[in-house]
Amino acid sequence: MKLISQDFSPRIRSVAIAGNDAADVTVRLDLSTVPVFKQQIPAAIGEAENVILDLSNVAFVDSSGLGAILSCVRDLTASGGDLKICSVQQRVMVMFDLVRLPKIIGIHEDVDAARAAFGG
């Protein structure tokens, strides 16, 4: 797994979760990959105030992946920022709905919609 960052403004950065190479078209955010995610996410976020987490390549999220996402939310909101999620695959969205994640985090259709939700 690797994280790919893109700046939209000094305040807004998108972070996409991707495979290690072109053959890795889908990624799991689970017990086996969360340590890598937690190690890479601070550098991927950098100094951004608001972050869009693009999950278009993520095919599965378990409770440890959910915890890692919520940890990012906690860290960003503690510093006055926010996290929005976009491009969630249906299987992952079922998990998010079960734990009522959309009541905590803004989940949007794509990066453009998430960016618009930040006003950017």
Protein backbone atom coordinates (compact mmCIF):
# COMPACT_ATOMS: atom_id res chain seq x y z
CA MET A 1 0.00 0.00 0.00
CA LYS A 2 1.12 3.55 -0.67
CA LEU A 3 -0.50 6.95 -0.19
CA ILE A 4 -0.57 9.51 -2.98
CA SER A 5 -1.11 13.17 -2.06
CA GLN A 6 -2.38 16.02 -4.21
CA ASP A 7 -2.76 19.63 -3.08
CA PHE A 8 -5.82 21.58 -4.17
CA SER A 9 -5.00 24.65 -2.12
CA PRO A 10 -2.83 25.48 0.88
CA ARG A 11 -5.75 24.30 3.06
CA ILE A 12 -6.99 21.21 1.18
CA ARG A 13 -5.08 18.04 0.30
CA SER A 14 -6.34 14.81 -1.21
CA VAL A 15 -4.79 11.51 -0.11
CA ALA A 16 -5.49 8.43 -2.23
CA ILE A 17 -4.76 4.91 -1.02
CA ALA A 18 -3.17 2.85 -3.79
CA GLY A 19 -1.44 -0.47 -4.30
CA ASN A 20 2.33 -0.76 -4.40
CA ASP A 21 2.39 -1.15 -8.17
CA ALA A 22 0.13 -1.14 -11.22
CA ALA A 23 -0.83 -4.78 -10.60
CA ASP A 24 -2.37 -3.81 -7.24
CA VAL A 25 -5.70 -2.40 -8.42
CA THR A 26 -7.49 -2.98 -5.14
CA VAL A 27 -6.33 -2.42 -1.61
CA ARG A 28 -7.54 -3.64 1.77
CA LEU A 29 -7.45 -1.35 4.79
CA ASP A 30 -7.30 -4.04 7.45
CA LEU A 31 -5.19 -5.44 10.27
CA SER A 32 -2.36 -6.31 7.86
CA THR A 33 -2.18 -2.89 6.15
CA VAL A 34 -3.17 -0.45 8.92
CA PRO A 35 0.39 -0.24 10.34
CA VAL A 36 1.64 0.97 6.94
CA PHE A 37 -1.27 3.41 6.66
CA LYS A 38 -0.58 4.82 10.14
CA GLN A 39 3.11 5.17 9.32
CA GLN A 40 2.53 6.95 6.00
CA ILE A 41 -0.51 9.13 6.74
CA PRO A 42 1.26 11.91 8.70
CA ALA A 43 3.64 12.63 5.81
CA ALA A 44 0.81 12.32 3.27
CA ILE A 45 -1.31 14.83 5.18
CA GLY A 46 1.61 17.16 5.84
CA GLU A 47 0.54 20.59 6.98
CA ALA A 48 -2.89 20.40 5.32
CA GLU A 49 -5.76 21.66 7.42
CA ASN A 50 -8.45 19.71 5.58
CA VAL A 51 -7.99 16.28 4.01
CA ILE A 52 -9.95 14.30 1.44
CA LEU A 53 -9.38 10.56 1.80
CA ASP A 54 -9.96 8.97 -1.62
CA LEU A 55 -10.98 5.33 -1.13
CA SER A 56 -11.61 4.50 -4.80
CA ASN A 57 -8.99 1.70 -4.72
CA VAL A 58 -10.05 0.32 -1.34
CA ALA A 59 -12.13 -2.85 -1.68
CA PHE A 60 -12.31 -3.81 2.00
CA VAL A 61 -12.16 -2.08 5.39
CA ASP A 62 -12.28 -3.94 8.69
CA SER A 63 -12.56 -2.58 12.23
CA SER A 64 -8.84 -1.78 12.44
CA GLY A 65 -9.09 0.19 9.17
CA LEU A 66 -12.11 2.01 10.50
CA GLY A 67 -10.17 2.82 13.67
CA ALA A 68 -7.29 4.22 11.60
CA ILE A 69 -9.68 6.49 9.70
CA LEU A 70 -11.29 7.69 12.93
CA SER A 71 -7.84 8.36 14.37
CA CYS A 72 -7.14 10.65 11.41
CA VAL A 73 -10.42 12.46 12.02
CA ARG A 74 -9.55 12.92 15.69
CA ASP A 75 -6.08 14.28 14.90
CA LEU A 76 -7.34 16.67 12.22
CA THR A 77 -10.26 18.02 14.26
CA ALA A 78 -7.99 18.50 17.29
CA SER A 79 -5.91 20.88 15.17
CA GLY A 80 -8.94 22.69 13.73
CA GLY A 81 -9.14 20.72 10.47
CA ASP A 82 -11.49 18.13 9.03
CA LEU A 83 -11.55 14.93 6.98
CA LYS A 84 -13.92 14.03 4.17
CA ILE A 85 -14.06 10.65 2.43
CA CYS A 86 -14.84 10.10 -1.24
CA SER A 87 -15.19 7.45 -3.92
CA VAL A 88 -16.22 4.66 -1.57
CA GLN A 89 -16.90 1.26 -3.14
CA GLN A 90 -20.30 -0.27 -2.36
CA ARG A 91 -18.91 -3.10 -0.22
CA VAL A 92 -17.00 -0.62 1.94
CA MET A 93 -20.01 1.71 2.13
CA VAL A 94 -22.08 -1.13 3.61
CA MET A 95 -19.57 -1.35 6.48
CA PHE A 96 -19.59 2.43 6.92
CA ASP A 97 -23.39 2.47 7.03
CA LEU A 98 -23.46 -0.34 9.62
CA VAL A 99 -21.34 1.71 12.01
CA ARG A 100 -23.09 4.97 11.03
CA LEU A 101 -19.86 6.57 9.85
CA PRO A 102 -21.71 9.02 7.55
CA LYS A 103 -23.08 10.70 10.70
CA ILE A 104 -19.49 11.45 11.80
CA ILE A 105 -17.62 12.02 8.53
CA GLY A 106 -18.75 13.61 5.29
CA ILE A 107 -18.76 10.95 2.58
CA HIS A 108 -18.90 12.20 -1.00
CA GLU A 109 -19.25 10.72 -4.47
CA ASP A 110 -15.87 11.91 -5.75
CA VAL A 111 -12.93 14.20 -5.03
CA ASP A 112 -14.62 17.20 -6.66
CA ALA A 113 -17.71 16.84 -4.45
CA ALA A 114 -15.56 16.51 -1.31
CA ARG A 115 -13.51 19.53 -2.32
CA ALA A 116 -16.70 21.52 -2.88
CA ALA A 117 -17.88 20.51 0.61
CA PHE A 118 -14.74 22.21 1.95
CA GLY A 119 -15.57 25.28 -0.12
CA GLY A 120 -12.53 24.76 -2.32
